[in-house]
Amino acid sequence: MVRSALNRILGMLIVMALVVTIVFVIVRVTPGDPAAVMLGPDATAADIESLRERLGLNASIPQQFVTYVGGILRGDFGQSIFLNMPVTEALMQRAEPTFFLTIFSLLIATVIALPVGVLSAYWRGSIFDQAATTLAMFAASIPSFWLGLILMQFFAVKLGWFDTSGYGGPGASFAERMHHLVLPAVTLGLISSALITRFTRASMLDVLNDDYVRTARSKGMSEWRVVVKHALKNALIPILTVVGLTAALLISGAIVTETVFGLPGVGSLIVSAVLRRDYPLIQGALLVVAGLYVLVNFVIDMLYLIVDPRVRY
């Protein structure tokens, strides 16, 4: 297991090195002068030259890349142009809403999808199975911004149970901040549960007819033990895969949802950085999101080893 973990860590480092290189190249090959784009059409040549010097754009490309990588290794992602603060600090200030929104959404999706997928497979062809399949297809086809607006209209505007936007004031308690996350988390959780439900159902159908399940039943075990202890345990690896992918997708899906609900998270920060052409902030945010993707996949791979020790990397 230790060797497999080390192999996966080496793989993570290689992937992140590729991501760093690709992000650097994309920014450098973007048409136009980044300094001129950031300062706008009214900027003077002196202003543009000053910003180019400040961003290190006057150095050669290899020198820029070495400086860029060296800064990342020291935890320095550069300076945000418009926020006038280190990119790391800007991201840290916005990390909390995105982190809890992702966790909250994944929890809702898993709690809904796992039992529905298992029961749908167990009662294959029943009214429950047909209803669950129809609802999952419907949920998967709904745009997150549309569902968010519908939930906001009903639960926030009509019933007044939640605020329409924001994350609480500066002195808001943890409970108040989580209260602001309920509608965004339900939006993402309901949509994400569709994919997990479908994979759980398919994975359970594969194992429910296997010989060891029939053997367990022939020994007189209760259906609960047969389904949970034998079938679900062996169906977990593909389910873990899709849960991990869902967690990674939630990070990018939060960009739209945070914008709809006015949450001050990393997603809305990326949108703001793109609109303002704040390239250092865009680069830093892309690397953090890519790093989270890689980290989530690493955690899933480690869970594979725990669920099935025969797995090797």
C-alpha atoms as a PDB file:
ATOM      1  CA  MET A   1       0.000   0.000   0.000  1.00  0.00           C
ATOM      2  CA  VAL A   2       2.872   2.393   0.806  1.00  0.00           C
ATOM      3  CA  ARG A   3       4.461   1.715  -2.586  1.00  0.00           C
ATOM      4  CA  SER A   4       1.156   2.328  -4.334  1.00  0.00           C
ATOM      5  CA  ALA A   5       0.699   5.594  -2.408  1.00  0.00           C
ATOM      6  CA  LEU A   6       4.204   6.760  -3.373  1.00  0.00           C
ATOM      7  CA  ASN A   7       3.513   5.914  -7.028  1.00  0.00           C
ATOM      8  CA  ARG A   8       0.321   7.932  -6.934  1.00  0.00           C
ATOM      9  CA  ILE A   9       2.107  10.886  -5.275  1.00  0.00           C
ATOM     10  CA  LEU A  10       4.731  10.772  -8.049  1.00  0.00           C
ATOM     11  CA  GLY A  11       1.900  10.754 -10.586  1.00  0.00           C
ATOM     12  CA  MET A  12       0.313  13.780  -8.877  1.00  0.00           C
ATOM     13  CA  LEU A  13       3.579  15.720  -9.080  1.00  0.00           C
ATOM     14  CA  ILE A  14       3.925  14.942 -12.793  1.00  0.00           C
ATOM     15  CA  VAL A  15       0.346  16.030 -13.481  1.00  0.00           C
ATOM     16  CA  MET A  16       0.798  19.285 -11.539  1.00  0.00           C
ATOM     17  CA  ALA A  17       4.062  19.998 -13.397  1.00  0.00           C
ATOM     18  CA  LEU A  18       2.159  19.614 -16.690  1.00  0.00           C
ATOM     19  CA  VAL A  19      -0.653  21.845 -15.424  1.00  0.00           C
ATOM     20  CA  VAL A  20       1.809  24.563 -14.382  1.00  0.00           C
ATOM     21  CA  THR A  21       3.458  24.438 -17.813  1.00  0.00           C
ATOM     22  CA  ILE A  22       0.153  24.475 -19.718  1.00  0.00           C
ATOM     23  CA  VAL A  23      -1.250  27.387 -17.675  1.00  0.00           C
ATOM     24  CA  PHE A  24       1.971  29.345 -18.265  1.00  0.00           C
ATOM     25  CA  VAL A  25       1.880  28.666 -22.005  1.00  0.00           C
ATOM     26  CA  ILE A  26      -1.837  29.550 -22.330  1.00  0.00           C
ATOM     27  CA  VAL A  27      -1.304  32.928 -20.688  1.00  0.00           C
ATOM     28  CA  ARG A  28       1.765  33.656 -22.825  1.00  0.00           C
ATOM     29  CA  VAL A  29       0.125  32.673 -26.144  1.00  0.00           C
ATOM     30  CA  THR A  30      -3.026  34.698 -25.456  1.00  0.00           C
ATOM     31  CA  PRO A  31      -3.265  37.305 -28.273  1.00  0.00           C
ATOM     32  CA  GLY A  32      -2.263  40.849 -27.383  1.00  0.00           C
ATOM     33  CA  ASP A  33      -0.130  42.390 -24.689  1.00  0.00           C
ATOM     34  CA  PRO A  34      -1.396  41.296 -21.240  1.00  0.00           C
ATOM     35  CA  ALA A  35      -0.299  44.613 -19.709  1.00  0.00           C
ATOM     36  CA  ALA A  36      -2.179  46.624 -22.348  1.00  0.00           C
ATOM     37  CA  VAL A  37      -5.287  44.455 -21.939  1.00  0.00           C
ATOM     38  CA  MET A  38      -5.241  44.892 -18.158  1.00  0.00           C
ATOM     39  CA  LEU A  39      -4.756  48.682 -18.260  1.00  0.00           C
ATOM     40  CA  GLY A  40      -7.340  49.324 -20.962  1.00  0.00           C
ATOM     41  CA  PRO A  41      -7.372  51.530 -24.080  1.00  0.00           C
ATOM     42  CA  ASP A  42      -6.632  54.786 -22.184  1.00  0.00           C
ATOM     43  CA  ALA A  43      -3.288  53.593 -20.806  1.00  0.00           C
ATOM     44  CA  THR A  44      -0.134  55.396 -21.892  1.00  0.00           C
ATOM     45  CA  ALA A  45       2.938  53.643 -23.263  1.00  0.00           C
ATOM     46  CA  ALA A  46       4.769  54.472 -20.017  1.00  0.00           C
ATOM     47  CA  ASP A  47       1.999  52.875 -17.931  1.00  0.00           C
ATOM     48  CA  ILE A  48       2.077  49.744 -20.086  1.00  0.00           C
ATOM     49  CA  GLU A  49       5.863  49.528 -19.894  1.00  0.00           C
ATOM     50  CA  SER A  50       5.751  50.003 -16.115  1.00  0.00           C
ATOM     51  CA  LEU A  51       3.222  47.181 -15.702  1.00  0.00           C
ATOM     52  CA  ARG A  52       5.186  44.909 -18.046  1.00  0.00           C
ATOM     53  CA  GLU A  53       8.254  45.463 -15.871  1.00  0.00           C
ATOM     54  CA  ARG A  54       6.211  44.835 -12.724  1.00  0.00           C
ATOM     55  CA  LEU A  55       4.828  41.562 -14.137  1.00  0.00           C
ATOM     56  CA  GLY A  56       8.255  40.494 -15.376  1.00  0.00           C
ATOM     57  CA  LEU A  57       7.068  40.359 -18.994  1.00  0.00           C
ATOM     58  CA  ASN A  58      10.195  42.066 -20.305  1.00  0.00           C
ATOM     59  CA  ALA A  59      12.341  39.070 -19.396  1.00  0.00           C
ATOM     60  CA  SER A  60      12.820  36.185 -21.818  1.00  0.00           C
ATOM     61  CA  ILE A  61      10.209  33.396 -21.822  1.00  0.00           C
ATOM     62  CA  PRO A  62      12.573  30.824 -20.183  1.00  0.00           C
ATOM     63  CA  GLN A  63      13.468  33.363 -17.469  1.00  0.00           C
ATOM     64  CA  GLN A  64       9.775  34.096 -16.891  1.00  0.00           C
ATOM     65  CA  PHE A  65       9.023  30.378 -16.597  1.00  0.00           C
ATOM     66  CA  VAL A  66      11.836  29.805 -14.090  1.00  0.00           C
ATOM     67  CA  THR A  67      10.670  32.802 -12.032  1.00  0.00           C
ATOM     68  CA  TYR A  68       7.061  31.586 -12.245  1.00  0.00           C
ATOM     69  CA  VAL A  69       7.908  28.043 -11.098  1.00  0.00           C
ATOM     70  CA  GLY A  70      10.247  29.311  -8.378  1.00  0.00           C
ATOM     71  CA  GLY A  71       7.480  31.516  -6.983  1.00  0.00           C
ATOM     72  CA  ILE A  72       5.016  28.595  -6.943  1.00  0.00           C
ATOM     73  CA  LEU A  73       7.520  26.390  -5.079  1.00  0.00           C
ATOM     74  CA  ARG A  74       7.785  29.144  -2.427  1.00  0.00           C
ATOM     75  CA  GLY A  75       3.964  29.423  -2.274  1.00  0.00           C
ATOM     76  CA  ASP A  76       4.054  32.769  -4.123  1.00  0.00           C
ATOM     77  CA  PHE A  77       1.459  32.890  -6.920  1.00  0.00           C
ATOM     78  CA  GLY A  78       2.146  36.544  -7.701  1.00  0.00           C
ATOM     79  CA  GLN A  79       0.276  39.764  -7.017  1.00  0.00           C
ATOM     80  CA  SER A  80      -3.315  40.417  -8.026  1.00  0.00           C
ATOM     81  CA  ILE A  81      -3.406  43.563 -10.166  1.00  0.00           C
ATOM     82  CA  PHE A  82      -6.847  44.843  -9.263  1.00  0.00           C
ATOM     83  CA  LEU A  83      -7.111  43.548  -5.690  1.00  0.00           C
ATOM     84  CA  ASN A  84      -3.575  44.792  -4.984  1.00  0.00           C
ATOM     85  CA  MET A  85      -2.763  41.867  -2.730  1.00  0.00           C
ATOM     86  CA  PRO A  86      -0.941  38.530  -3.057  1.00  0.00           C
ATOM     87  CA  VAL A  87      -2.910  35.980  -5.075  1.00  0.00           C
ATOM     88  CA  THR A  88      -2.505  33.452  -2.245  1.00  0.00           C
ATOM     89  CA  GLU A  89      -4.126  35.851   0.209  1.00  0.00           C
ATOM     90  CA  ALA A  90      -6.988  36.632  -2.206  1.00  0.00           C
ATOM     91  CA  LEU A  91      -7.670  32.904  -2.705  1.00  0.00           C
ATOM     92  CA  MET A  92      -7.506  32.152   1.026  1.00  0.00           C
ATOM     93  CA  GLN A  93     -10.031  34.891   1.760  1.00  0.00           C
ATOM     94  CA  ARG A  94     -12.476  33.280  -0.697  1.00  0.00           C
ATOM     95  CA  ALA A  95     -11.727  29.613   0.030  1.00  0.00           C
ATOM     96  CA  GLU A  96     -14.142  29.035   2.924  1.00  0.00           C
ATOM     97  CA  PRO A  97     -17.494  29.421   1.085  1.00  0.00           C
ATOM     98  CA  THR A  98     -16.308  27.248  -1.814  1.00  0.00           C
ATOM     99  CA  PHE A  99     -14.893  24.572   0.506  1.00  0.00           C
ATOM    100  CA  PHE A 100     -18.048  24.244   2.607  1.00  0.00           C
ATOM    101  CA  LEU A 101     -20.299  24.523  -0.462  1.00  0.00           C
ATOM    102  CA  THR A 102     -18.466  21.608  -2.108  1.00  0.00           C
ATOM    103  CA  ILE A 103     -18.555  19.453   1.044  1.00  0.00           C
ATOM    104  CA  PHE A 104     -22.201  20.307   1.759  1.00  0.00           C
ATOM    105  CA  SER A 105     -23.249  19.585  -1.843  1.00  0.00           C
ATOM    106  CA  LEU A 106     -21.360  16.287  -2.005  1.00  0.00           C
ATOM    107  CA  LEU A 107     -22.908  15.192   1.292  1.00  0.00           C
ATOM    108  CA  ILE A 108     -26.424  15.957   0.023  1.00  0.00           C
ATOM    109  CA  ALA A 109     -25.754  14.187  -3.287  1.00  0.00           C
ATOM    110  CA  THR A 110     -24.345  11.068  -1.618  1.00  0.00           C
ATOM    111  CA  VAL A 111     -27.038  10.818   1.059  1.00  0.00           C
ATOM    112  CA  ILE A 112     -29.729  10.991  -1.637  1.00  0.00           C
ATOM    113  CA  ALA A 113     -28.071   8.933  -4.352  1.00  0.00           C
ATOM    114  CA  LEU A 114     -26.611   5.972  -2.463  1.00  0.00           C
ATOM    115  CA  PRO A 115     -29.828   4.551  -0.920  1.00  0.00           C
ATOM    116  CA  VAL A 116     -31.895   5.443  -4.000  1.00  0.00           C
ATOM    117  CA  GLY A 117     -29.398   3.726  -6.313  1.00  0.00           C
ATOM    118  CA  VAL A 118     -29.179   0.614  -4.114  1.00  0.00           C
ATOM    119  CA  LEU A 119     -32.958   0.274  -3.717  1.00  0.00           C
ATOM    120  CA  SER A 120     -33.506   1.010  -7.407  1.00  0.00           C
ATOM    121  CA  ALA A 121     -31.213  -1.895  -8.317  1.00  0.00           C
ATOM    122  CA  TYR A 122     -32.711  -4.192  -5.673  1.00  0.00           C
ATOM    123  CA  TRP A 123     -36.268  -3.460  -6.877  1.00  0.00           C
ATOM    124  CA  ARG A 124     -35.304  -3.432 -10.552  1.00  0.00           C
ATOM    125  CA  GLY A 125     -38.266  -2.794 -12.855  1.00  0.00           C
ATOM    126  CA  SER A 126     -40.554  -1.683 -10.010  1.00  0.00           C
ATOM    127  CA  ILE A 127     -42.449   1.612  -9.841  1.00  0.00           C
ATOM    128  CA  PHE A 128     -39.758   2.883  -7.435  1.00  0.00           C
ATOM    129  CA  ASP A 129     -37.020   2.008  -9.937  1.00  0.00           C
ATOM    130  CA  GLN A 130     -38.845   3.689 -12.812  1.00  0.00           C
ATOM    131  CA  ALA A 131     -39.579   6.805 -10.749  1.00  0.00           C
ATOM    132  CA  ALA A 132     -35.979   7.020  -9.514  1.00  0.00           C
ATOM    133  CA  THR A 133     -34.605   6.588 -13.038  1.00  0.00           C
ATOM    134  CA  THR A 134     -36.933   9.260 -14.430  1.00  0.00           C
ATOM    135  CA  LEU A 135     -36.107  11.733 -11.652  1.00  0.00           C
ATOM    136  CA  ALA A 136     -32.361  11.092 -12.065  1.00  0.00           C
ATOM    137  CA  MET A 137     -32.550  11.792 -15.802  1.00  0.00           C
ATOM    138  CA  PHE A 138     -34.597  14.920 -15.113  1.00  0.00           C
ATOM    139  CA  ALA A 139     -32.133  16.165 -12.461  1.00  0.00           C
ATOM    140  CA  ALA A 140     -29.161  15.523 -14.760  1.00  0.00           C
ATOM    141  CA  SER A 141     -30.722  17.645 -17.514  1.00  0.00           C
ATOM    142  CA  ILE A 142     -31.447  20.714 -15.336  1.00  0.00           C
ATOM    143  CA  PRO A 143     -29.014  23.651 -15.614  1.00  0.00           C
ATOM    144  CA  SER A 144     -27.713  24.575 -12.169  1.00  0.00           C
ATOM    145  CA  PHE A 145     -28.430  28.294 -12.609  1.00  0.00           C
ATOM    146  CA  TRP A 146     -32.083  27.564 -13.524  1.00  0.00           C
ATOM    147  CA  LEU A 147     -32.652  25.253 -10.543  1.00  0.00           C
ATOM    148  CA  GLY A 148     -30.910  27.798  -8.302  1.00  0.00           C
ATOM    149  CA  LEU A 149     -33.216  30.577  -9.453  1.00  0.00           C
ATOM    150  CA  ILE A 150     -36.323  28.371  -8.955  1.00  0.00           C
ATOM    151  CA  LEU A 151     -35.252  27.436  -5.410  1.00  0.00           C
ATOM    152  CA  MET A 152     -34.395  31.060  -4.664  1.00  0.00           C
ATOM    153  CA  GLN A 153     -37.793  32.250  -5.919  1.00  0.00           C
ATOM    154  CA  PHE A 154     -39.739  29.723  -3.821  1.00  0.00           C
ATOM    155  CA  PHE A 155     -37.745  29.333  -0.588  1.00  0.00           C
ATOM    156  CA  ALA A 156     -36.153  32.790  -0.344  1.00  0.00           C
ATOM    157  CA  VAL A 157     -38.581  35.216  -2.028  1.00  0.00           C
ATOM    158  CA  LYS A 158     -41.942  33.494  -1.415  1.00  0.00           C
ATOM    159  CA  LEU A 159     -41.394  31.696   1.897  1.00  0.00           C
ATOM    160  CA  GLY A 160     -38.610  33.915   3.237  1.00  0.00           C
ATOM    161  CA  TRP A 161     -36.731  31.001   4.789  1.00  0.00           C
ATOM    162  CA  PHE A 162     -33.374  32.012   3.304  1.00  0.00           C
ATOM    163  CA  ASP A 163     -31.592  35.086   2.001  1.00  0.00           C
ATOM    164  CA  THR A 164     -31.375  35.458  -1.750  1.00  0.00           C
ATOM    165  CA  SER A 165     -27.617  36.102  -1.741  1.00  0.00           C
ATOM    166  CA  GLY A 166     -24.519  36.669   0.361  1.00  0.00           C
ATOM    167  CA  TYR A 167     -22.603  34.725   3.000  1.00  0.00           C
ATOM    168  CA  GLY A 168     -23.514  36.664   6.156  1.00  0.00           C
ATOM    169  CA  GLY A 169     -21.822  39.792   7.425  1.00  0.00           C
ATOM    170  CA  PRO A 170     -18.276  40.060   8.825  1.00  0.00           C
ATOM    171  CA  GLY A 171     -19.481  39.075  12.308  1.00  0.00           C
ATOM    172  CA  ALA A 172     -21.763  36.245  11.168  1.00  0.00           C
ATOM    173  CA  SER A 173     -21.596  33.003  13.140  1.00  0.00           C
ATOM    174  CA  PHE A 174     -20.721  29.660  11.563  1.00  0.00           C
ATOM    175  CA  ALA A 175     -24.399  28.613  11.700  1.00  0.00           C
ATOM    176  CA  GLU A 176     -25.455  31.799   9.889  1.00  0.00           C
ATOM    177  CA  ARG A 177     -22.860  31.234   7.171  1.00  0.00           C
ATOM    178  CA  MET A 178     -23.987  27.633   6.711  1.00  0.00           C
ATOM    179  CA  HIS A 179     -27.599  28.867   6.510  1.00  0.00           C
ATOM    180  CA  HIS A 180     -26.607  30.937   3.482  1.00  0.00           C
ATOM    181  CA  LEU A 181     -25.166  27.805   1.853  1.00  0.00           C
ATOM    182  CA  VAL A 182     -28.336  25.701   2.091  1.00  0.00           C
ATOM    183  CA  LEU A 183     -29.936  26.725  -1.214  1.00  0.00           C
ATOM    184  CA  PRO A 184     -26.681  26.690  -3.258  1.00  0.00           C
ATOM    185  CA  ALA A 185     -25.740  23.309  -1.756  1.00  0.00           C
ATOM    186  CA  VAL A 186     -29.182  21.823  -2.455  1.00  0.00           C
ATOM    187  CA  THR A 187     -28.925  23.110  -6.035  1.00  0.00           C
ATOM    188  CA  LEU A 188     -25.591  21.429  -6.671  1.00  0.00           C
ATOM    189  CA  GLY A 189     -26.427  18.374  -4.537  1.00  0.00           C
ATOM    190  CA  LEU A 190     -29.666  17.539  -6.351  1.00  0.00           C
ATOM    191  CA  ILE A 191     -28.061  17.811  -9.782  1.00  0.00           C
ATOM    192  CA  SER A 192     -24.986  15.817  -8.750  1.00  0.00           C
ATOM    193  CA  SER A 193     -27.083  13.077  -7.124  1.00  0.00           C
ATOM    194  CA  ALA A 194     -28.383  12.059 -10.552  1.00  0.00           C
ATOM    195  CA  LEU A 195     -25.007  10.815 -11.768  1.00  0.00           C
ATOM    196  CA  ILE A 196     -24.195   8.988  -8.510  1.00  0.00           C
ATOM    197  CA  THR A 197     -27.652   7.360  -8.482  1.00  0.00           C
ATOM    198  CA  ARG A 198     -27.197   5.984 -11.996  1.00  0.00           C
ATOM    199  CA  PHE A 199     -23.721   4.595 -11.274  1.00  0.00           C
ATOM    200  CA  THR A 200     -24.814   3.107  -7.949  1.00  0.00           C
ATOM    201  CA  ARG A 201     -27.752   1.358  -9.602  1.00  0.00           C
ATOM    202  CA  ALA A 202     -25.605  -0.006 -12.439  1.00  0.00           C
ATOM    203  CA  SER A 203     -22.851  -1.151 -10.093  1.00  0.00           C
ATOM    204  CA  MET A 204     -25.306  -2.893  -7.778  1.00  0.00           C
ATOM    205  CA  LEU A 205     -27.017  -4.656 -10.693  1.00  0.00           C
ATOM    206  CA  ASP A 206     -23.631  -6.093 -11.697  1.00  0.00           C
ATOM    207  CA  VAL A 207     -23.004  -7.689  -8.315  1.00  0.00           C
ATOM    208  CA  LEU A 208     -26.522  -8.674  -7.171  1.00  0.00           C
ATOM    209  CA  ASN A 209     -26.559 -11.672  -9.529  1.00  0.00           C
ATOM    210  CA  ASP A 210     -23.028 -12.861  -8.753  1.00  0.00           C
ATOM    211  CA  ASP A 211     -22.431 -16.324  -7.300  1.00  0.00           C
ATOM    212  CA  TYR A 212     -21.242 -15.099  -3.900  1.00  0.00           C
ATOM    213  CA  VAL A 213     -24.507 -13.165  -3.429  1.00  0.00           C
ATOM    214  CA  ARG A 214     -26.536 -16.299  -4.227  1.00  0.00           C
ATOM    215  CA  THR A 215     -24.309 -18.279  -1.855  1.00  0.00           C
ATOM    216  CA  ALA A 216     -24.907 -15.742   0.917  1.00  0.00           C
ATOM    217  CA  ARG A 217     -28.646 -16.029   0.377  1.00  0.00           C
ATOM    218  CA  SER A 218     -28.487 -19.826   0.363  1.00  0.00           C
ATOM    219  CA  LYS A 219     -26.846 -19.684   3.812  1.00  0.00           C
ATOM    220  CA  GLY A 220     -29.985 -18.024   5.151  1.00  0.00           C
ATOM    221  CA  MET A 221     -28.567 -14.513   5.604  1.00  0.00           C
ATOM    222  CA  SER A 222     -31.062 -11.688   5.858  1.00  0.00           C
ATOM    223  CA  GLU A 223     -31.568  -9.620   2.706  1.00  0.00           C
ATOM    224  CA  TRP A 224     -30.232  -6.562   4.552  1.00  0.00           C
ATOM    225  CA  ARG A 225     -26.898  -8.294   5.254  1.00  0.00           C
ATOM    226  CA  VAL A 226     -26.697  -9.722   1.736  1.00  0.00           C
ATOM    227  CA  VAL A 227     -27.251  -6.324   0.107  1.00  0.00           C
ATOM    228  CA  VAL A 228     -25.189  -4.152   2.459  1.00  0.00           C
ATOM    229  CA  LYS A 229     -22.391  -6.467   3.587  1.00  0.00           C
ATOM    230  CA  HIS A 230     -21.793  -8.442   0.402  1.00  0.00           C
ATOM    231  CA  ALA A 231     -23.255  -6.659  -2.640  1.00  0.00           C
ATOM    232  CA  LEU A 232     -22.710  -2.997  -1.706  1.00  0.00           C
ATOM    233  CA  LYS A 233     -19.192  -3.614  -0.407  1.00  0.00           C
ATOM    234  CA  ASN A 234     -18.114  -5.112  -3.735  1.00  0.00           C
ATOM    235  CA  ALA A 235     -19.911  -2.419  -5.735  1.00  0.00           C
ATOM    236  CA  LEU A 236     -18.154   0.420  -3.905  1.00  0.00           C
ATOM    237  CA  ILE A 237     -15.114   0.933  -6.172  1.00  0.00           C
ATOM    238  CA  PRO A 238     -17.036   2.259  -9.221  1.00  0.00           C
ATOM    239  CA  ILE A 239     -19.264   4.229  -6.840  1.00  0.00           C
ATOM    240  CA  LEU A 240     -16.198   5.808  -5.198  1.00  0.00           C
ATOM    241  CA  THR A 241     -14.934   6.707  -8.668  1.00  0.00           C
ATOM    242  CA  VAL A 242     -18.050   8.627  -9.573  1.00  0.00           C
ATOM    243  CA  VAL A 243     -18.238  10.271  -6.125  1.00  0.00           C
ATOM    244  CA  GLY A 244     -14.671  11.495  -6.622  1.00  0.00           C
ATOM    245  CA  LEU A 245     -15.423  12.783 -10.101  1.00  0.00           C
ATOM    246  CA  THR A 246     -18.540  14.478  -8.743  1.00  0.00           C
ATOM    247  CA  ALA A 247     -16.495  16.224  -6.054  1.00  0.00           C
ATOM    248  CA  ALA A 248     -14.125  17.507  -8.719  1.00  0.00           C
ATOM    249  CA  LEU A 249     -17.029  18.642 -10.913  1.00  0.00           C
ATOM    250  CA  LEU A 250     -18.624  20.420  -7.954  1.00  0.00           C
ATOM    251  CA  ILE A 251     -15.542  22.631  -7.651  1.00  0.00           C
ATOM    252  CA  SER A 252     -16.042  23.911 -11.196  1.00  0.00           C
ATOM    253  CA  GLY A 253     -19.843  23.852 -10.869  1.00  0.00           C
ATOM    254  CA  ALA A 254     -19.535  26.174  -7.886  1.00  0.00           C
ATOM    255  CA  ILE A 255     -18.407  28.953 -10.246  1.00  0.00           C
ATOM    256  CA  VAL A 256     -21.909  29.296 -11.734  1.00  0.00           C
ATOM    257  CA  THR A 257     -23.775  28.641  -8.490  1.00  0.00           C
ATOM    258  CA  GLU A 258     -21.702  31.139  -6.492  1.00  0.00           C
ATOM    259  CA  THR A 259     -22.419  33.774  -9.133  1.00  0.00           C
ATOM    260  CA  VAL A 260     -26.195  33.081  -9.023  1.00  0.00           C
ATOM    261  CA  PHE A 261     -26.353  33.222  -5.205  1.00  0.00           C
ATOM    262  CA  GLY A 262     -23.793  36.019  -4.796  1.00  0.00           C
ATOM    263  CA  LEU A 263     -21.462  33.920  -2.663  1.00  0.00           C
ATOM    264  CA  PRO A 264     -17.987  35.427  -2.176  1.00  0.00           C
ATOM    265  CA  GLY A 265     -16.151  32.194  -3.033  1.00  0.00           C
ATOM    266  CA  VAL A 266     -13.313  31.169  -5.346  1.00  0.00           C
ATOM    267  CA  GLY A 267     -15.771  30.654  -8.224  1.00  0.00           C
ATOM    268  CA  SER A 268     -17.021  34.240  -8.193  1.00  0.00           C
ATOM    269  CA  LEU A 269     -13.403  35.397  -7.731  1.00  0.00           C
ATOM    270  CA  ILE A 270     -12.387  33.570 -10.931  1.00  0.00           C
ATOM    271  CA  VAL A 271     -15.279  35.160 -12.849  1.00  0.00           C
ATOM    272  CA  SER A 272     -14.253  38.590 -11.559  1.00  0.00           C
ATOM    273  CA  ALA A 273     -10.583  37.938 -12.448  1.00  0.00           C
ATOM    274  CA  VAL A 274     -11.483  36.882 -15.998  1.00  0.00           C
ATOM    275  CA  LEU A 275     -13.666  39.960 -16.538  1.00  0.00           C
ATOM    276  CA  ARG A 276     -10.839  42.201 -15.292  1.00  0.00           C
ATOM    277  CA  ARG A 277      -8.073  40.345 -17.166  1.00  0.00           C
ATOM    278  CA  ASP A 278      -6.259  39.844 -13.851  1.00  0.00           C
ATOM    279  CA  TYR A 279      -3.847  37.227 -15.234  1.00  0.00           C
ATOM    280  CA  PRO A 280      -1.831  36.518 -12.062  1.00  0.00           C
ATOM    281  CA  LEU A 281      -5.085  35.821 -10.220  1.00  0.00           C
ATOM    282  CA  ILE A 282      -6.434  33.672 -13.067  1.00  0.00           C
ATOM    283  CA  GLN A 283      -3.195  31.638 -13.124  1.00  0.00           C
ATOM    284  CA  GLY A 284      -3.227  31.125  -9.357  1.00  0.00           C
ATOM    285  CA  ALA A 285      -6.903  30.170  -9.268  1.00  0.00           C
ATOM    286  CA  LEU A 286      -6.512  27.674 -12.132  1.00  0.00           C
ATOM    287  CA  LEU A 287      -3.591  26.009 -10.380  1.00  0.00           C
ATOM    288  CA  VAL A 288      -5.523  25.757  -7.101  1.00  0.00           C
ATOM    289  CA  VAL A 289      -8.568  24.243  -8.845  1.00  0.00           C
ATOM    290  CA  ALA A 290      -6.342  21.792 -10.760  1.00  0.00           C
ATOM    291  CA  GLY A 291      -4.554  20.917  -7.510  1.00  0.00           C
ATOM    292  CA  LEU A 292      -7.888  20.161  -5.834  1.00  0.00           C
ATOM    293  CA  TYR A 293      -8.858  17.916  -8.759  1.00  0.00           C
ATOM    294  CA  VAL A 294      -5.616  15.975  -8.398  1.00  0.00           C
ATOM    295  CA  LEU A 295      -5.944  15.794  -4.614  1.00  0.00           C
ATOM    296  CA  VAL A 296      -9.506  14.455  -4.788  1.00  0.00           C
ATOM    297  CA  ASN A 297      -8.426  11.749  -7.230  1.00  0.00           C
ATOM    298  CA  PHE A 298      -5.532  10.825  -4.948  1.00  0.00           C
ATOM    299  CA  VAL A 299      -7.906  10.426  -1.989  1.00  0.00           C
ATOM    300  CA  ILE A 300     -10.204   8.238  -4.114  1.00  0.00           C
ATOM    301  CA  ASP A 301      -7.258   6.069  -5.184  1.00  0.00           C
ATOM    302  CA  MET A 302      -6.275   5.617  -1.543  1.00  0.00           C
ATOM    303  CA  LEU A 303      -9.851   4.618  -0.694  1.00  0.00           C
ATOM    304  CA  TYR A 304      -9.589   1.959  -3.436  1.00  0.00           C
ATOM    305  CA  LEU A 305      -6.666   0.446  -1.571  1.00  0.00           C
ATOM    306  CA  ILE A 306      -8.652   0.381   1.667  1.00  0.00           C
ATOM    307  CA  VAL A 307     -11.804  -1.098   0.097  1.00  0.00           C
ATOM    308  CA  ASP A 308      -9.908  -3.638  -2.031  1.00  0.00           C
ATOM    309  CA  PRO A 309      -6.291  -4.333  -0.933  1.00  0.00           C
ATOM    310  CA  ARG A 310      -5.732  -6.264  -4.194  1.00  0.00           C
ATOM    311  CA  VAL A 311      -5.645  -2.953  -6.113  1.00  0.00           C
ATOM    312  CA  ARG A 312      -2.123  -1.885  -7.093  1.00  0.00           C
ATOM    313  CA  TYR A 313      -0.682   1.196  -8.836  1.00  0.00           C
END
